[in-house]
């Protein structure tokens, strides 16, 4: 006991990812669903998408952990009974456990085959060995018990970055498509890839900053507006091209999904779960708070800092001329002739006659000058 609290004996989480080797499309979904229901399976622990299965548990006692492992064994039994073959190379599990019975749990349920830790799952007379990993990519997102938001964001950014380089020539080419069409292509191909799964996993404040930085890099390249040359702020770029910041786009997506779930068939069990799920509401509220923080930071930046403006953006210089409003701006730089006169005095123009003809040196007209005779020997004489 520490600080009035008892240390739990056995708590943790378990997630298993099952991948099938054979094509899943040949199996009717109803057959698998009925088989799991008849086995006493609780649907809240299982997610099935095509041939990928995800099973998750939270346990607070050793008996709950044993029940979870028993349920996993049932899933494997049902899959084998209906002719499915589990891919051992693609299947994995994430297993975390704490408490005073940590050593007992490790000894009973964790083993090692070569250099790989495995989870030992009792399955009748045999024992299943599922590789234990710290994180796993499932349906395009990273599942883990530590910083899954950051890991998922990093995974999506890497995929979106490779997709951007594939389309970079088209997106940055201003010859064949309009700027609006190229921005729409970026939102359809790049932003959809980068934002996939972020609403389900959640995004941190630093994650939104990273998203906005990458988004503005792409958008500035598309509209040909480098920050170090044009000196235009990110907020001005977004306003100019009618774009929402990443936190605004994610908030709109999260709100739309919650709204759509309320209008779907209430008889489906997952619809009721999604409407009442605290996680979906938490993600939406977090994005709202992030939007407020970003808007406040943008307003503070507007009042405390100023952008570097070019000469064209500077206001006209005030003048006392009565026609100042109509007169164009004239820089106080004398013409080149006046500058030379200030430096060297008066200069006689080649096309202007002097005021005093007597001071002009006598010149022999060009047509009276006799050319020198070369005696036919050229310049060499």
Protein backbone atom coordinates (compact mmCIF):
# COMPACT_ATOMS: atom_id res chain seq x y z
CA UNK A 1 0.00 0.00 0.00
CA UNK A 2 1.31 3.45 -0.95
CA UNK A 3 -0.42 6.79 -0.31
CA UNK A 4 -3.58 4.96 0.81
CA UNK A 5 -3.84 2.89 -2.39
CA UNK A 6 -3.43 -0.85 -2.80
CA UNK A 7 -1.23 -2.06 -5.62
CA UNK A 8 -3.26 -4.25 -8.00
CA UNK A 9 -2.31 -7.87 -8.39
CA UNK A 10 -2.85 -8.21 -12.14
CA UNK A 11 -3.98 -5.51 -14.58
CA UNK A 12 -3.23 -4.91 -18.23
CA UNK A 13 -4.39 -5.09 -21.80
CA UNK A 14 -4.25 -7.62 -24.60
CA UNK A 15 -4.78 -7.10 -28.33
CA UNK A 16 -4.46 -9.85 -30.92
CA UNK A 17 -4.23 -9.33 -34.70
CA UNK A 18 -5.23 -12.38 -36.74
CA UNK A 19 -4.53 -12.49 -40.46
CA UNK A 20 -5.93 -15.25 -42.66
CA UNK A 21 -3.94 -16.86 -45.45
CA UNK A 22 -6.93 -17.92 -47.54
CA UNK A 23 -9.33 -15.54 -49.22
CA UNK A 24 -11.97 -14.38 -46.77
CA UNK A 25 -14.45 -13.28 -49.42
CA UNK A 26 -15.51 -16.86 -50.16
CA UNK A 27 -16.92 -17.22 -46.63
CA UNK A 28 -20.37 -15.77 -45.87
CA UNK A 29 -20.21 -13.24 -43.07
CA UNK A 30 -23.38 -14.59 -41.49
CA UNK A 31 -21.80 -18.02 -41.03
CA UNK A 32 -18.84 -16.63 -39.12
CA UNK A 33 -21.07 -14.30 -37.09
CA UNK A 34 -23.42 -17.13 -36.09
CA UNK A 35 -20.48 -19.36 -35.20
CA UNK A 36 -19.03 -16.75 -32.87
CA UNK A 37 -22.41 -15.99 -31.27
CA UNK A 38 -23.09 -19.70 -30.69
CA UNK A 39 -19.69 -19.95 -29.01
CA UNK A 40 -20.79 -17.39 -26.44
CA UNK A 41 -18.60 -14.67 -27.95
CA UNK A 42 -19.14 -11.05 -26.92
CA UNK A 43 -19.11 -8.84 -30.02
CA UNK A 44 -17.65 -5.79 -28.28
CA UNK A 45 -14.17 -7.37 -28.25
CA UNK A 46 -13.94 -8.24 -31.95
CA UNK A 47 -13.42 -6.16 -35.10
CA UNK A 48 -13.44 -7.89 -38.50
CA UNK A 49 -12.50 -6.21 -41.77
CA UNK A 50 -12.09 -8.53 -44.77
CA UNK A 51 -9.52 -11.10 -43.65
CA UNK A 52 -8.11 -9.03 -40.75
CA UNK A 53 -9.34 -9.73 -37.22
CA UNK A 54 -8.65 -7.59 -34.18
CA UNK A 55 -9.43 -8.77 -30.65
CA UNK A 56 -8.96 -6.58 -27.58
CA UNK A 57 -9.32 -7.10 -23.84
CA UNK A 58 -8.72 -5.22 -20.61
CA UNK A 59 -8.23 -7.36 -17.53
CA UNK A 60 -8.03 -6.45 -13.85
CA UNK A 61 -7.59 -9.89 -12.34
CA UNK A 62 -5.76 -13.06 -13.25
CA UNK A 63 -9.05 -14.85 -13.89
CA UNK A 64 -10.08 -12.18 -16.43
CA UNK A 65 -6.78 -12.68 -18.25
CA UNK A 66 -7.38 -16.44 -18.35
CA UNK A 67 -10.89 -15.84 -19.73
CA UNK A 68 -9.48 -13.56 -22.43
CA UNK A 69 -6.94 -16.18 -23.50
CA UNK A 70 -9.71 -18.80 -23.55
CA UNK A 71 -11.79 -16.56 -25.86
CA UNK A 72 -8.82 -16.15 -28.21
CA UNK A 73 -8.51 -19.92 -28.37
CA UNK A 74 -12.19 -20.12 -29.32
CA UNK A 75 -11.66 -17.70 -32.21
CA UNK A 76 -8.83 -19.81 -33.59
CA UNK A 77 -10.96 -22.95 -33.21
CA UNK A 78 -13.92 -21.38 -35.05
CA UNK A 79 -11.70 -20.14 -37.89
CA UNK A 80 -10.14 -23.56 -38.36
CA UNK A 81 -13.56 -25.25 -38.16
CA UNK A 82 -14.92 -23.24 -41.10
CA UNK A 83 -11.84 -23.88 -43.23
CA UNK A 84 -9.85 -20.72 -42.60
CA UNK A 85 -6.06 -20.83 -42.25
CA UNK A 86 -4.34 -18.32 -39.97
CA UNK A 87 -1.16 -16.65 -41.27
CA UNK A 88 1.39 -17.03 -38.50
CA UNK A 89 3.83 -14.56 -40.10
CA UNK A 90 1.28 -11.70 -40.21
CA UNK A 91 -0.47 -12.37 -36.90
CA UNK A 92 0.77 -10.65 -33.74
CA UNK A 93 -0.34 -9.44 -30.32
CA UNK A 94 0.34 -6.53 -27.97
CA UNK A 95 0.47 -7.65 -24.36
CA UNK A 96 1.03 -5.39 -21.37
CA UNK A 97 0.62 -6.37 -17.73
CA UNK A 98 1.35 -4.85 -14.33
CA UNK A 99 0.87 -5.74 -10.69
CA UNK A 100 2.27 -7.98 -7.99
CA UNK A 101 1.56 -11.07 -10.11
CA UNK A 102 3.61 -9.77 -13.03
CA UNK A 103 6.22 -12.49 -12.59
CA UNK A 104 3.56 -15.19 -12.44
CA UNK A 105 1.88 -13.92 -15.61
CA UNK A 106 5.20 -13.76 -17.42
CA UNK A 107 6.13 -17.29 -16.41
CA UNK A 108 2.76 -18.83 -17.34
CA UNK A 109 1.80 -17.01 -20.52
CA UNK A 110 4.97 -15.53 -22.05
CA UNK A 111 7.59 -17.64 -23.79
CA UNK A 112 10.39 -17.15 -26.27
CA UNK A 113 11.09 -18.89 -29.57
CA UNK A 114 14.53 -18.00 -30.87
CA UNK A 115 14.70 -14.19 -30.51
CA UNK A 116 10.94 -13.61 -30.54
CA UNK A 117 8.74 -13.32 -27.46
CA UNK A 118 5.43 -15.16 -27.87
CA UNK A 119 2.12 -15.32 -26.03
CA UNK A 120 1.15 -18.84 -25.01
CA UNK A 121 -2.58 -19.34 -25.57
CA UNK A 122 -4.12 -22.62 -24.35
CA UNK A 123 -6.19 -24.19 -27.13
CA UNK A 124 -7.47 -27.55 -26.04
CA UNK A 125 -4.69 -30.09 -26.03
CA UNK A 126 -2.31 -27.75 -27.87
CA UNK A 127 -0.85 -24.31 -27.24
CA UNK A 128 -0.88 -21.40 -29.66
CA UNK A 129 2.20 -19.19 -29.90
CA UNK A 130 1.43 -15.63 -31.03
CA UNK A 131 4.37 -13.21 -31.51
CA UNK A 132 4.41 -10.29 -29.04
CA UNK A 133 5.16 -6.83 -30.47
CA UNK A 134 5.14 -3.33 -29.02
CA UNK A 135 3.12 -1.86 -31.93
CA UNK A 136 1.28 -3.14 -34.96
CA UNK A 137 -0.18 -1.52 -38.09
CA UNK A 138 -3.85 -2.43 -38.42
CA UNK A 139 -6.06 -0.96 -41.16
CA UNK A 140 -3.63 1.87 -41.79
CA UNK A 141 -3.23 2.94 -38.15
CA UNK A 142 -0.65 2.06 -35.52
CA UNK A 143 -2.03 0.19 -32.52
CA UNK A 144 -0.01 0.31 -29.30
CA UNK A 145 -0.28 1.12 -25.61
CA UNK A 146 2.18 4.03 -25.77
CA UNK A 147 1.82 7.24 -27.84
CA UNK A 148 -0.38 5.62 -30.47
CA UNK A 149 -1.54 9.06 -31.66
CA UNK A 150 2.01 10.15 -32.49
CA UNK A 151 2.91 6.79 -34.00
CA UNK A 152 -0.19 6.77 -36.21
CA UNK A 153 0.45 10.35 -37.32
CA UNK A 154 4.06 9.53 -38.21
CA UNK A 155 2.90 6.47 -40.18
CA UNK A 156 0.29 8.45 -42.12
CA UNK A 157 2.74 11.28 -42.86
CA UNK A 158 5.27 8.85 -44.31
CA UNK A 159 2.64 7.35 -46.61
CA UNK A 160 1.33 10.78 -47.65
CA UNK A 161 4.85 12.02 -48.29
CA UNK A 162 5.57 9.17 -50.69
CA UNK A 163 2.23 9.81 -52.42
CA UNK A 164 3.10 13.51 -52.72
CA UNK A 165 6.43 12.78 -54.40
CA UNK A 166 4.60 10.56 -56.89
CA UNK A 167 2.31 13.45 -57.85
CA UNK A 168 4.76 16.29 -57.29
CA UNK A 169 5.37 16.89 -61.00
CA UNK A 170 1.64 17.25 -61.66
CA UNK A 171 0.83 19.27 -58.54
CA UNK A 172 3.60 21.83 -59.08
CA UNK A 173 3.16 22.14 -62.85
CA UNK A 174 1.29 25.36 -63.68
CA UNK A 175 1.00 24.66 -67.41
CA UNK A 176 -1.81 22.12 -67.68
CA UNK A 177 -4.06 22.58 -64.61
CA UNK A 178 -5.40 25.59 -62.78
CA UNK A 179 -4.29 26.36 -59.26
CA UNK A 180 -7.72 25.46 -57.87
CA UNK A 181 -7.69 22.08 -59.64
CA UNK A 182 -4.24 21.29 -58.28
CA UNK A 183 -5.30 22.21 -54.75
CA UNK A 184 -8.36 19.98 -55.11
CA UNK A 185 -6.13 17.16 -56.30
CA UNK A 186 -3.90 17.66 -53.26
CA UNK A 187 -6.89 17.48 -50.91
CA UNK A 188 -8.24 14.38 -52.65
CA UNK A 189 -5.00 12.41 -52.94
CA UNK A 190 -2.61 13.75 -50.29
CA UNK A 191 -4.72 15.12 -47.45
CA UNK A 192 -7.09 12.13 -47.46
CA UNK A 193 -4.08 9.82 -47.17
CA UNK A 194 -2.44 11.86 -44.42
CA UNK A 195 -5.60 12.31 -42.32
CA UNK A 196 -6.84 8.72 -42.61
CA UNK A 197 -7.45 7.20 -39.17
CA UNK A 198 -6.52 10.36 -37.24
CA UNK A 199 -10.09 11.00 -36.08
CA UNK A 200 -10.33 7.45 -34.73
CA UNK A 201 -6.95 7.59 -32.97
CA UNK A 202 -6.96 11.23 -31.91
CA UNK A 203 -4.38 13.95 -32.49
CA UNK A 204 -2.21 15.80 -29.99
CA UNK A 205 -1.52 19.53 -30.12
CA UNK A 206 2.01 18.93 -31.35
CA UNK A 207 0.56 16.59 -33.96
CA UNK A 208 -1.65 19.40 -35.28
CA UNK A 209 1.39 21.67 -35.49
CA UNK A 210 3.25 19.02 -37.49
CA UNK A 211 0.26 18.50 -39.78
CA UNK A 212 -0.06 22.22 -40.47
CA UNK A 213 3.66 22.54 -41.20
CA UNK A 214 3.57 19.74 -43.78
CA UNK A 215 0.30 20.99 -45.24
CA UNK A 216 1.68 24.50 -45.76
CA UNK A 217 4.87 23.11 -47.33
CA UNK A 218 2.78 21.33 -49.95
CA UNK A 219 0.34 24.19 -50.50
CA UNK A 220 3.10 26.79 -50.85
CA UNK A 221 4.83 24.61 -53.44
CA UNK A 222 1.58 24.24 -55.39
CA UNK A 223 0.74 27.97 -55.41
CA UNK A 224 4.42 28.98 -55.86
CA UNK A 225 4.57 31.14 -52.74
CA UNK A 226 7.77 30.38 -50.77
CA UNK A 227 7.69 31.83 -47.27
CA UNK A 228 11.24 33.18 -47.40
CA UNK A 229 10.54 35.11 -50.62
CA UNK A 230 6.92 36.26 -50.46
CA UNK A 231 6.95 36.84 -46.68
CA UNK A 232 3.28 35.82 -46.46
CA UNK A 233 2.10 34.19 -43.23
CA UNK A 234 0.57 30.73 -43.10
CA UNK A 235 -2.77 32.13 -41.95
CA UNK A 236 -2.87 34.48 -44.93
CA UNK A 237 -2.14 31.59 -47.31
CA UNK A 238 -5.04 29.59 -45.85
CA UNK A 239 -7.41 32.56 -46.08
CA UNK A 240 -6.35 33.47 -49.59
CA UNK A 241 -7.05 30.01 -51.00
CA UNK A 242 -10.05 29.26 -48.77
CA UNK A 243 -8.42 26.36 -46.93
CA UNK A 244 -9.06 25.12 -43.41
CA UNK A 245 -6.23 24.36 -41.01
CA UNK A 246 -5.72 20.65 -40.20
CA UNK A 247 -7.44 20.89 -36.81
CA UNK A 248 -10.46 22.48 -38.49
CA UNK A 249 -10.62 19.78 -41.16
CA UNK A 250 -10.35 17.00 -38.57
CA UNK A 251 -12.98 18.62 -36.35
CA UNK A 252 -15.41 18.87 -39.25
CA UNK A 253 -14.79 15.20 -40.10
CA UNK A 254 -15.28 14.05 -36.49
CA UNK A 255 -18.51 16.03 -36.11
CA UNK A 256 -19.82 14.71 -39.41
CA UNK A 257 -19.19 11.10 -38.43
CA UNK A 258 -20.98 11.50 -35.11
CA UNK A 259 -23.90 13.13 -36.89
CA UNK A 260 -24.11 10.38 -39.51
CA UNK A 261 -24.03 7.68 -36.82
CA UNK A 262 -27.14 9.18 -35.22
CA UNK A 263 -29.13 8.77 -38.46
CA UNK A 264 -28.18 5.16 -39.15
CA UNK A 265 -30.02 2.00 -38.24
CA UNK A 266 -30.28 1.94 -34.43
CA UNK A 267 -30.78 -1.83 -34.48
CA UNK A 268 -27.15 -2.39 -35.38
CA UNK A 269 -25.11 -2.93 -32.21
CA UNK A 270 -22.12 -0.92 -33.41
CA UNK A 271 -24.34 2.13 -34.10
CA UNK A 272 -25.48 2.33 -30.49
CA UNK A 273 -21.90 1.89 -29.33
CA UNK A 274 -20.64 4.66 -31.61
CA UNK A 275 -23.32 7.11 -30.48
CA UNK A 276 -22.57 6.55 -26.80
CA UNK A 277 -18.84 5.86 -27.09
CA UNK A 278 -16.95 8.30 -24.88
CA UNK A 279 -13.89 8.00 -27.10
CA UNK A 280 -15.56 9.52 -30.17
CA UNK A 281 -16.93 12.38 -28.08
CA UNK A 282 -13.53 12.87 -26.44
CA UNK A 283 -11.79 13.14 -29.82
CA UNK A 284 -14.33 15.69 -31.02
CA UNK A 285 -14.07 17.79 -27.86
CA UNK A 286 -10.27 17.63 -27.98
CA UNK A 287 -10.28 18.92 -31.55
CA UNK A 288 -12.61 21.74 -30.51
CA UNK A 289 -10.21 22.74 -27.74
CA UNK A 290 -7.28 22.59 -30.15
CA UNK A 291 -9.12 24.83 -32.60
CA UNK A 292 -9.73 27.40 -29.86
CA UNK A 293 -6.06 27.28 -28.84
CA UNK A 294 -4.85 27.72 -32.42
CA UNK A 295 -7.25 30.61 -33.06
CA UNK A 296 -6.13 32.35 -29.87
CA UNK A 297 -2.48 31.84 -30.79
CA UNK A 298 -3.12 33.26 -34.26
CA UNK A 299 -4.82 36.35 -32.81
CA UNK A 300 -1.95 36.86 -30.38
CA UNK A 301 0.53 36.57 -33.22
CA UNK A 302 -1.42 39.14 -35.24
CA UNK A 303 -1.28 41.74 -32.46
CA UNK A 304 2.25 41.08 -31.20
CA UNK A 305 4.20 40.47 -34.40
CA UNK A 306 4.24 41.84 -37.91
CA UNK A 307 5.17 40.26 -41.19
CA UNK A 308 8.01 41.59 -43.30
CA UNK A 309 6.44 43.45 -46.21
CA UNK A 310 7.91 44.27 -49.58
CA UNK A 311 8.28 47.72 -51.09
CA UNK A 312 5.08 47.30 -53.09
CA UNK A 313 3.11 46.59 -49.88
CA UNK A 314 4.34 49.69 -48.06
CA UNK A 315 1.92 52.66 -47.79
CA UNK A 316 2.65 55.80 -49.87
CA UNK A 317 4.92 58.41 -48.32
CA UNK A 318 3.04 61.43 -46.99
CA UNK A 319 3.59 64.64 -48.95
CA UNK A 320 2.54 68.28 -48.63
CA UNK A 321 1.61 68.62 -52.29
CA UNK A 322 -1.98 69.82 -52.77
CA UNK A 323 -2.45 67.06 -55.34
CA UNK A 324 -0.86 64.41 -53.15
CA UNK A 325 -3.76 62.01 -53.52
CA UNK A 326 -3.69 62.15 -57.28
CA UNK A 327 0.06 62.47 -57.81
CA UNK A 328 2.03 59.23 -58.21
CA UNK A 329 4.70 58.30 -55.72
CA UNK A 330 8.08 59.81 -56.75
CA UNK A 331 11.26 58.65 -55.11
CA UNK A 332 13.68 61.49 -54.16
CA UNK A 333 16.44 60.33 -56.50
CA UNK A 334 17.75 62.93 -59.00
CA UNK A 335 18.15 62.01 -62.66
CA UNK A 336 21.57 60.72 -63.74
CA UNK A 337 22.50 64.07 -65.42
CA UNK A 338 21.86 66.01 -62.23
CA UNK A 339 23.94 63.53 -60.25
CA UNK A 340 26.90 64.00 -62.62
CA UNK A 341 26.56 67.78 -62.43
CA UNK A 342 26.62 67.62 -58.65
CA UNK A 343 29.79 65.53 -58.72
CA UNK A 344 31.75 67.02 -61.65
CA UNK A 345 30.08 70.33 -62.42
CA UNK A 346 28.50 71.31 -65.73
CA UNK A 347 28.82 68.85 -68.58
CA UNK A 348 28.62 69.85 -72.20
CA UNK A 349 26.17 67.74 -74.09
CA UNK A 350 27.25 66.56 -77.53
CA UNK A 351 23.95 67.68 -79.02
CA UNK A 352 23.72 71.10 -77.36
CA UNK A 353 25.48 74.26 -78.57
CA UNK A 354 27.46 76.25 -75.96
CA UNK A 355 26.12 79.59 -74.80
CA UNK A 356 29.37 81.40 -75.82
CA UNK A 357 30.39 80.50 -79.38
CA UNK A 358 33.78 82.17 -78.94
CA UNK A 359 34.72 79.74 -76.21
CA UNK A 360 34.10 76.84 -78.49
CA UNK A 361 37.38 75.31 -79.78
CA UNK A 362 37.94 75.48 -83.49
CA UNK A 363 37.28 72.25 -85.32
CA UNK A 364 38.12 71.24 -88.82
CA UNK A 365 35.07 69.97 -90.69
CA UNK A 366 35.21 66.28 -91.33
CA UNK A 367 34.60 66.70 -95.06
CA UNK A 368 37.68 69.01 -95.38
CA UNK A 369 40.03 66.60 -93.70
CA UNK A 370 42.27 64.68 -96.12
CA UNK A 371 42.71 60.99 -95.36
CA UNK A 372 46.29 59.86 -94.81
CA UNK A 373 47.89 58.00 -97.67
CA UNK A 374 48.91 54.46 -96.97
CA UNK A 375 51.01 54.03 -100.15
CA UNK A 376 49.26 50.69 -100.61
CA UNK A 377 51.09 49.15 -97.70
CA UNK A 378 48.20 49.08 -95.26
CA UNK A 379 48.48 50.01 -91.62
CA UNK A 380 51.92 48.63 -91.30
CA UNK A 381 53.25 51.44 -93.51
